[in-house]
Amino acid sequence: DAVLGSVEPDPAGTDPAILRRWLARHPFT
């Protein structure tokens, strides 16, 4: 009845340190 998809911050416009922290908190599963 509903689907929750995942998102990923665009590496091209995201600070690398922020992206690393975000990915550590949001594993793709």
PDB file of all heavy atoms in Angstrom:
ATOM      1  N   ASP A   1       0.821  -1.203   0.000  1.00  0.00           N
ATOM      2  CA  ASP A   1       0.000   0.000   0.000  1.00  0.00           C
ATOM      3  C   ASP A   1       0.859   1.259   0.000  1.00  0.00           C
ATOM      4  O   ASP A   1       0.391   2.331  -0.390  1.00  0.00           O
ATOM      5  CB  ASP A   1      -0.919   0.022   1.225  1.00  0.00           C
ATOM      6  CG  ASP A   1      -1.924  -1.107   1.209  1.00  0.00           C
ATOM      7  OD1 ASP A   1      -2.655  -1.238   0.208  1.00  0.00           O
ATOM      8  OD2 ASP A   1      -1.977  -1.879   2.185  1.00  0.00           O
ATOM      9  N   ALA A   2       2.092   1.144   0.451  1.00  0.00           N
ATOM     10  CA  ALA A   2       3.033   2.260   0.432  1.00  0.00           C
ATOM     11  C   ALA A   2       4.444   1.705   0.303  1.00  0.00           C
ATOM     12  O   ALA A   2       4.739   0.609   0.793  1.00  0.00           O
ATOM     13  CB  ALA A   2       2.910   3.106   1.694  1.00  0.00           C
ATOM     14  N   VAL A   3       5.297   2.478  -0.356  1.00  0.00           N
ATOM     15  CA  VAL A   3       6.695   2.080  -0.560  1.00  0.00           C
ATOM     16  C   VAL A   3       7.596   3.218  -0.098  1.00  0.00           C
ATOM     17  O   VAL A   3       7.445   4.356  -0.554  1.00  0.00           O
ATOM     18  CB  VAL A   3       6.974   1.749  -2.035  1.00  0.00           C
ATOM     19  CG1 VAL A   3       8.473   1.492  -2.244  1.00  0.00           C
ATOM     20  CG2 VAL A   3       6.173   0.533  -2.470  1.00  0.00           C
ATOM     21  N   LEU A   4       8.526   2.892   0.796  1.00  0.00           N
ATOM     22  CA  LEU A   4       9.505   3.854   1.291  1.00  0.00           C
ATOM     23  C   LEU A   4      10.836   3.558   0.626  1.00  0.00           C
ATOM     24  O   LEU A   4      11.461   2.535   0.902  1.00  0.00           O
ATOM     25  CB  LEU A   4       9.649   3.743   2.814  1.00  0.00           C
ATOM     26  CG  LEU A   4       8.359   3.750   3.638  1.00  0.00           C
ATOM     27  CD1 LEU A   4       8.685   3.606   5.119  1.00  0.00           C
ATOM     28  CD2 LEU A   4       7.572   5.022   3.381  1.00  0.00           C
ATOM     29  N   GLY A   5      11.258   4.428  -0.284  1.00  0.00           N
ATOM     30  CA  GLY A   5      12.532   4.234  -0.949  1.00  0.00           C
ATOM     31  C   GLY A   5      13.666   4.885  -0.168  1.00  0.00           C
ATOM     32  O   GLY A   5      13.449   5.646   0.776  1.00  0.00           O
ATOM     33  N   SER A   6      14.887   4.594  -0.580  1.00  0.00           N
ATOM     34  CA  SER A   6      16.064   5.182   0.054  1.00  0.00           C
ATOM     35  C   SER A   6      16.546   6.376  -0.760  1.00  0.00           C
ATOM     36  O   SER A   6      16.156   6.569  -1.909  1.00  0.00           O
ATOM     37  CB  SER A   6      17.178   4.135   0.173  1.00  0.00           C
ATOM     38  OG  SER A   6      17.443   3.564  -1.098  1.00  0.00           O
ATOM     39  N   VAL A   7      17.392   7.197  -0.149  1.00  0.00           N
ATOM     40  CA  VAL A   7      18.013   8.317  -0.851  1.00  0.00           C
ATOM     41  C   VAL A   7      19.498   8.327  -0.554  1.00  0.00           C
ATOM     42  O   VAL A   7      19.963   7.757   0.430  1.00  0.00           O
ATOM     43  CB  VAL A   7      17.397   9.683  -0.455  1.00  0.00           C
ATOM     44  CG1 VAL A   7      15.894   9.694  -0.672  1.00  0.00           C
ATOM     45  CG2 VAL A   7      17.748  10.059   0.972  1.00  0.00           C
ATOM     46  N   GLU A   8      20.228   9.000  -1.442  1.00  0.00           N
ATOM     47  CA  GLU A   8      21.666   9.183  -1.260  1.00  0.00           C
ATOM     48  C   GLU A   8      22.020  10.626  -1.612  1.00  0.00           C
ATOM     49  O   GLU A   8      21.666  11.100  -2.688  1.00  0.00           O
ATOM     50  CB  GLU A   8      22.458   8.237  -2.164  1.00  0.00           C
ATOM     51  CG  GLU A   8      23.955   8.411  -2.056  1.00  0.00           C
ATOM     52  CD  GLU A   8      24.725   7.464  -2.967  1.00  0.00           C
ATOM     53  OE1 GLU A   8      24.083   6.748  -3.770  1.00  0.00           O
ATOM     54  OE2 GLU A   8      25.966   7.447  -2.895  1.00  0.00           O
ATOM     55  N   PRO A   9      22.697  11.361  -0.724  1.00  0.00           N
ATOM     56  CA  PRO A   9      23.140  12.703  -1.073  1.00  0.00           C
ATOM     57  C   PRO A   9      24.079  12.646  -2.273  1.00  0.00           C
ATOM     58  O   PRO A   9      24.946  11.774  -2.358  1.00  0.00           O
ATOM     59  CB  PRO A   9      23.875  13.176   0.186  1.00  0.00           C
ATOM     60  CG  PRO A   9      23.316  12.333   1.294  1.00  0.00           C
ATOM     61  CD  PRO A   9      23.029  11.003   0.663  1.00  0.00           C
ATOM     62  N   ASP A  10      23.897  13.549  -3.199  1.00  0.00           N
ATOM     63  CA  ASP A  10      24.699  13.576  -4.413  1.00  0.00           C
ATOM     64  C   ASP A  10      26.165  13.841  -4.056  1.00  0.00           C
ATOM     65  O   ASP A  10      26.497  14.917  -3.552  1.00  0.00           O
ATOM     66  CB  ASP A  10      24.183  14.679  -5.338  1.00  0.00           C
ATOM     67  CG  ASP A  10      24.835  14.647  -6.701  1.00  0.00           C
ATOM     68  OD1 ASP A  10      25.814  13.905  -6.881  1.00  0.00           O
ATOM     69  OD2 ASP A  10      24.358  15.378  -7.591  1.00  0.00           O
ATOM     70  N   PRO A  11      27.062  12.866  -4.311  1.00  0.00           N
ATOM     71  CA  PRO A  11      28.473  13.081  -3.968  1.00  0.00           C
ATOM     72  C   PRO A  11      29.062  14.309  -4.657  1.00  0.00           C
ATOM     73  O   PRO A  11      29.997  14.931  -4.123  1.00  0.00           O
ATOM     74  CB  PRO A  11      29.156  11.794  -4.450  1.00  0.00           C
ATOM     75  CG  PRO A  11      28.068  10.767  -4.454  1.00  0.00           C
ATOM     76  CD  PRO A  11      26.830  11.520  -4.855  1.00  0.00           C
ATOM     77  N   ALA A  12      28.524  14.663  -5.835  1.00  0.00           N
ATOM     78  CA  ALA A  12      29.063  15.797  -6.581  1.00  0.00           C
ATOM     79  C   ALA A  12      28.830  17.120  -5.872  1.00  0.00           C
ATOM     80  O   ALA A  12      29.543  18.092  -6.131  1.00  0.00           O
ATOM     81  CB  ALA A  12      28.457  15.845  -7.983  1.00  0.00           C
ATOM     82  N   GLY A  13      27.864  17.188  -4.986  1.00  0.00           N
ATOM     83  CA  GLY A  13      27.568  18.458  -4.320  1.00  0.00           C
ATOM     84  C   GLY A  13      27.549  18.369  -2.810  1.00  0.00           C
ATOM     85  O   GLY A  13      27.019  19.249  -2.138  1.00  0.00           O
ATOM     86  N   THR A  14      28.125  17.284  -2.270  1.00  0.00           N
ATOM     87  CA  THR A  14      28.114  17.070  -0.826  1.00  0.00           C
ATOM     88  C   THR A  14      29.526  17.069  -0.278  1.00  0.00           C
ATOM     89  O   THR A  14      30.415  16.426  -0.854  1.00  0.00           O
ATOM     90  CB  THR A  14      27.430  15.729  -0.475  1.00  0.00           C
ATOM     91  OG1 THR A  14      26.142  15.682  -1.083  1.00  0.00           O
ATOM     92  CG2 THR A  14      27.288  15.571   1.027  1.00  0.00           C
ATOM     93  N   ASP A  15      29.735  17.775   0.809  1.00  0.00           N
ATOM     94  CA  ASP A  15      31.041  17.772   1.472  1.00  0.00           C
ATOM     95  C   ASP A  15      31.421  16.332   1.816  1.00  0.00           C
ATOM     96  O   ASP A  15      30.609  15.589   2.377  1.00  0.00           O
ATOM     97  CB  ASP A  15      30.964  18.611   2.745  1.00  0.00           C
ATOM     98  CG  ASP A  15      32.273  18.633   3.503  1.00  0.00           C
ATOM     99  OD1 ASP A  15      32.507  17.704   4.304  1.00  0.00           O
ATOM    100  OD2 ASP A  15      33.057  19.581   3.293  1.00  0.00           O
ATOM    101  N   PRO A  16      32.639  15.877   1.466  1.00  0.00           N
ATOM    102  CA  PRO A  16      33.024  14.476   1.703  1.00  0.00           C
ATOM    103  C   PRO A  16      32.874  14.036   3.153  1.00  0.00           C
ATOM    104  O   PRO A  16      32.468  12.902   3.425  1.00  0.00           O
ATOM    105  CB  PRO A  16      34.490  14.433   1.259  1.00  0.00           C
ATOM    106  CG  PRO A  16      34.603  15.533   0.256  1.00  0.00           C
ATOM    107  CD  PRO A  16      33.686  16.612   0.734  1.00  0.00           C
ATOM    108  N   ALA A  17      33.197  14.919   4.098  1.00  0.00           N
ATOM    109  CA  ALA A  17      33.074  14.549   5.511  1.00  0.00           C
ATOM    110  C   ALA A  17      31.612  14.337   5.887  1.00  0.00           C
ATOM    111  O   ALA A  17      31.269  13.398   6.615  1.00  0.00           O
ATOM    112  CB  ALA A  17      33.695  15.631   6.392  1.00  0.00           C
ATOM    113  N   ILE A  18      30.744  15.202   5.384  1.00  0.00           N
ATOM    114  CA  ILE A  18      29.311  15.044   5.652  1.00  0.00           C
ATOM    115  C   ILE A  18      28.791  13.759   5.027  1.00  0.00           C
ATOM    116  O   ILE A  18      28.021  13.013   5.641  1.00  0.00           O
ATOM    117  CB  ILE A  18      28.532  16.259   5.107  1.00  0.00           C
ATOM    118  CG1 ILE A  18      28.907  17.524   5.874  1.00  0.00           C
ATOM    119  CG2 ILE A  18      27.027  16.013   5.181  1.00  0.00           C
ATOM    120  CD1 ILE A  18      28.244  18.779   5.337  1.00  0.00           C
ATOM    121  N   LEU A  19      29.211  13.482   3.797  1.00  0.00           N
ATOM    122  CA  LEU A  19      28.753  12.274   3.109  1.00  0.00           C
ATOM    123  C   LEU A  19      29.176  11.018   3.863  1.00  0.00           C
ATOM    124  O   LEU A  19      28.385  10.083   4.022  1.00  0.00           O
ATOM    125  CB  LEU A  19      29.292  12.248   1.678  1.00  0.00           C
ATOM    126  CG  LEU A  19      28.819  11.084   0.803  1.00  0.00           C
ATOM    127  CD1 LEU A  19      27.303  11.088   0.681  1.00  0.00           C
ATOM    128  CD2 LEU A  19      29.471  11.156  -0.575  1.00  0.00           C
ATOM    129  N   ARG A  20      30.431  10.987   4.357  1.00  0.00           N
ATOM    130  CA  ARG A  20      30.893   9.820   5.119  1.00  0.00           C
ATOM    131  C   ARG A  20      30.041   9.624   6.373  1.00  0.00           C
ATOM    132  O   ARG A  20      29.647   8.496   6.691  1.00  0.00           O
ATOM    133  CB  ARG A  20      32.361   9.995   5.508  1.00  0.00           C
ATOM    134  CG  ARG A  20      33.345   9.796   4.364  1.00  0.00           C
ATOM    135  CD  ARG A  20      34.750   9.625   4.881  1.00  0.00           C
ATOM    136  NE  ARG A  20      35.203  10.786   5.646  1.00  0.00           N
ATOM    137  CZ  ARG A  20      35.801  11.848   5.110  1.00  0.00           C
ATOM    138  NH1 ARG A  20      36.008  11.888   3.797  1.00  0.00           N
ATOM    139  NH2 ARG A  20      36.192  12.852   5.861  1.00  0.00           N
ATOM    140  N   ARG A  21      29.767  10.691   7.075  1.00  0.00           N
ATOM    141  CA  ARG A  21      28.962  10.577   8.291  1.00  0.00           C
ATOM    142  C   ARG A  21      27.538  10.135   7.961  1.00  0.00           C
ATOM    143  O   ARG A  21      26.942   9.328   8.686  1.00  0.00           O
ATOM    144  CB  ARG A  21      28.944  11.922   9.037  1.00  0.00           C
ATOM    145  CG  ARG A  21      30.276  12.275   9.683  1.00  0.00           C
ATOM    146  CD  ARG A  21      30.185  13.606  10.425  1.00  0.00           C
ATOM    147  NE  ARG A  21      31.403  13.889  11.175  1.00  0.00           N
ATOM    148  CZ  ARG A  21      32.446  14.528  10.680  1.00  0.00           C
ATOM    149  NH1 ARG A  21      32.410  14.967   9.424  1.00  0.00           N
ATOM    150  NH2 ARG A  21      33.515  14.737  11.414  1.00  0.00           N
ATOM    151  N   TRP A  22      27.006  10.670   6.870  1.00  0.00           N
ATOM    152  CA  TRP A  22      25.640  10.301   6.496  1.00  0.00           C
ATOM    153  C   TRP A  22      25.566   8.817   6.122  1.00  0.00           C
ATOM    154  O   TRP A  22      24.666   8.096   6.571  1.00  0.00           O
ATOM    155  CB  TRP A  22      25.151  11.156   5.330  1.00  0.00           C
ATOM    156  CG  TRP A  22      23.681  11.007   5.088  1.00  0.00           C
ATOM    157  CD1 TRP A  22      22.669  11.727   5.639  1.00  0.00           C
ATOM    158  CD2 TRP A  22      23.061  10.028   4.243  1.00  0.00           C
ATOM    159  NE1 TRP A  22      21.459  11.272   5.193  1.00  0.00           N
ATOM    160  CE2 TRP A  22      21.664  10.235   4.337  1.00  0.00           C
ATOM    161  CE3 TRP A  22      23.552   9.016   3.413  1.00  0.00           C
ATOM    162  CZ2 TRP A  22      20.760   9.464   3.633  1.00  0.00           C
ATOM    163  CZ3 TRP A  22      22.640   8.238   2.718  1.00  0.00           C
ATOM    164  CH2 TRP A  22      21.251   8.462   2.827  1.00  0.00           C
ATOM    165  N   LEU A  23      26.511   8.357   5.313  1.00  0.00           N
ATOM    166  CA  LEU A  23      26.505   6.958   4.878  1.00  0.00           C
ATOM    167  C   LEU A  23      26.685   6.009   6.061  1.00  0.00           C
ATOM    168  O   LEU A  23      26.118   4.912   6.077  1.00  0.00           O
ATOM    169  CB  LEU A  23      27.598   6.730   3.842  1.00  0.00           C
ATOM    170  CG  LEU A  23      27.385   7.419   2.488  1.00  0.00           C
ATOM    171  CD1 LEU A  23      28.616   7.262   1.602  1.00  0.00           C
ATOM    172  CD2 LEU A  23      26.156   6.854   1.785  1.00  0.00           C
ATOM    173  N   ALA A  24      27.459   6.424   7.053  1.00  0.00           N
ATOM    174  CA  ALA A  24      27.659   5.574   8.229  1.00  0.00           C
ATOM    175  C   ALA A  24      26.371   5.409   9.025  1.00  0.00           C
ATOM    176  O   ALA A  24      26.150   4.371   9.662  1.00  0.00           O
ATOM    177  CB  ALA A  24      28.744   6.173   9.122  1.00  0.00           C
ATOM    178  N   ARG A  25      25.508   6.396   8.967  1.00  0.00           N
ATOM    179  CA  ARG A  25      24.245   6.355   9.709  1.00  0.00           C
ATOM    180  C   ARG A  25      23.086   5.809   8.888  1.00  0.00           C
ATOM    181  O   ARG A  25      22.019   5.531   9.444  1.00  0.00           O
ATOM    182  CB  ARG A  25      23.891   7.775  10.198  1.00  0.00           C
ATOM    183  CG  ARG A  25      24.809   8.297  11.296  1.00  0.00           C
ATOM    184  CD  ARG A  25      24.660   9.799  11.446  1.00  0.00           C
ATOM    185  NE  ARG A  25      25.375  10.328  12.607  1.00  0.00           N
ATOM    186  CZ  ARG A  25      26.685  10.547  12.636  1.00  0.00           C
ATOM    187  NH1 ARG A  25      27.428  10.273  11.567  1.00  0.00           N
ATOM    188  NH2 ARG A  25      27.261  11.029  13.728  1.00  0.00           N
ATOM    189  N   HIS A  26      23.278   5.654   7.582  1.00  0.00           N
ATOM    190  CA  HIS A  26      22.180   5.238   6.713  1.00  0.00           C
ATOM    191  C   HIS A  26      22.653   4.143   5.745  1.00  0.00           C
ATOM    192  O   HIS A  26      22.766   4.372   4.532  1.00  0.00           O
ATOM    193  CB  HIS A  26      21.638   6.427   5.920  1.00  0.00           C
ATOM    194  CG  HIS A  26      21.113   7.530   6.773  1.00  0.00           C
ATOM    195  ND1 HIS A  26      21.930   8.436   7.402  1.00  0.00           N
ATOM    196  CD2 HIS A  26      19.838   7.873   7.104  1.00  0.00           C
ATOM    197  CE1 HIS A  26      21.185   9.287   8.090  1.00  0.00           C
ATOM    198  NE2 HIS A  26      19.924   8.968   7.926  1.00  0.00           N
ATOM    199  N   PRO A  27      22.922   2.946   6.244  1.00  0.00           N
ATOM    200  CA  PRO A  27      23.315   1.855   5.350  1.00  0.00           C
ATOM    201  C   PRO A  27      22.191   1.525   4.374  1.00  0.00           C
ATOM    202  O   PRO A  27      21.005   1.605   4.721  1.00  0.00           O
ATOM    203  CB  PRO A  27      23.602   0.692   6.305  1.00  0.00           C
ATOM    204  CG  PRO A  27      22.820   1.020   7.545  1.00  0.00           C
ATOM    205  CD  PRO A  27      22.826   2.517   7.648  1.00  0.00           C
ATOM    206  N   PHE A  28      22.569   1.183   3.155  1.00  0.00           N
ATOM    207  CA  PHE A  28      21.581   0.877   2.125  1.00  0.00           C
ATOM    208  C   PHE A  28      21.159  -0.584   2.235  1.00  0.00           C
ATOM    209  O   PHE A  28      21.870  -1.489   1.813  1.00  0.00           O
ATOM    210  CB  PHE A  28      22.161   1.158   0.738  1.00  0.00           C
ATOM    211  CG  PHE A  28      22.517   2.608   0.529  1.00  0.00           C
ATOM    212  CD1 PHE A  28      23.800   2.971   0.137  1.00  0.00           C
ATOM    213  CD2 PHE A  28      21.586   3.600   0.738  1.00  0.00           C
ATOM    214  CE1 PHE A  28      24.129   4.298  -0.066  1.00  0.00           C
ATOM    215  CE2 PHE A  28      21.899   4.942   0.550  1.00  0.00           C
ATOM    216  CZ  PHE A  28      23.179   5.281   0.150  1.00  0.00           C
ATOM    217  N   THR A  29      19.979  -0.809   2.809  1.00  0.00           N
ATOM    218  CA  THR A  29      19.477  -2.162   3.013  1.00  0.00           C
ATOM    219  C   THR A  29      17.986  -2.211   2.715  1.00  0.00           C
ATOM    220  O   THR A  29      17.303  -1.187   2.705  1.00  0.00           O
ATOM    221  CB  THR A  29      19.690  -2.619   4.467  1.00  0.00           C
ATOM    222  OG1 THR A  29      18.979  -1.744   5.350  1.00  0.00           O
ATOM    223  CG2 THR A  29      21.173  -2.615   4.842  1.00  0.00           C
TER     224      THR A  29
END
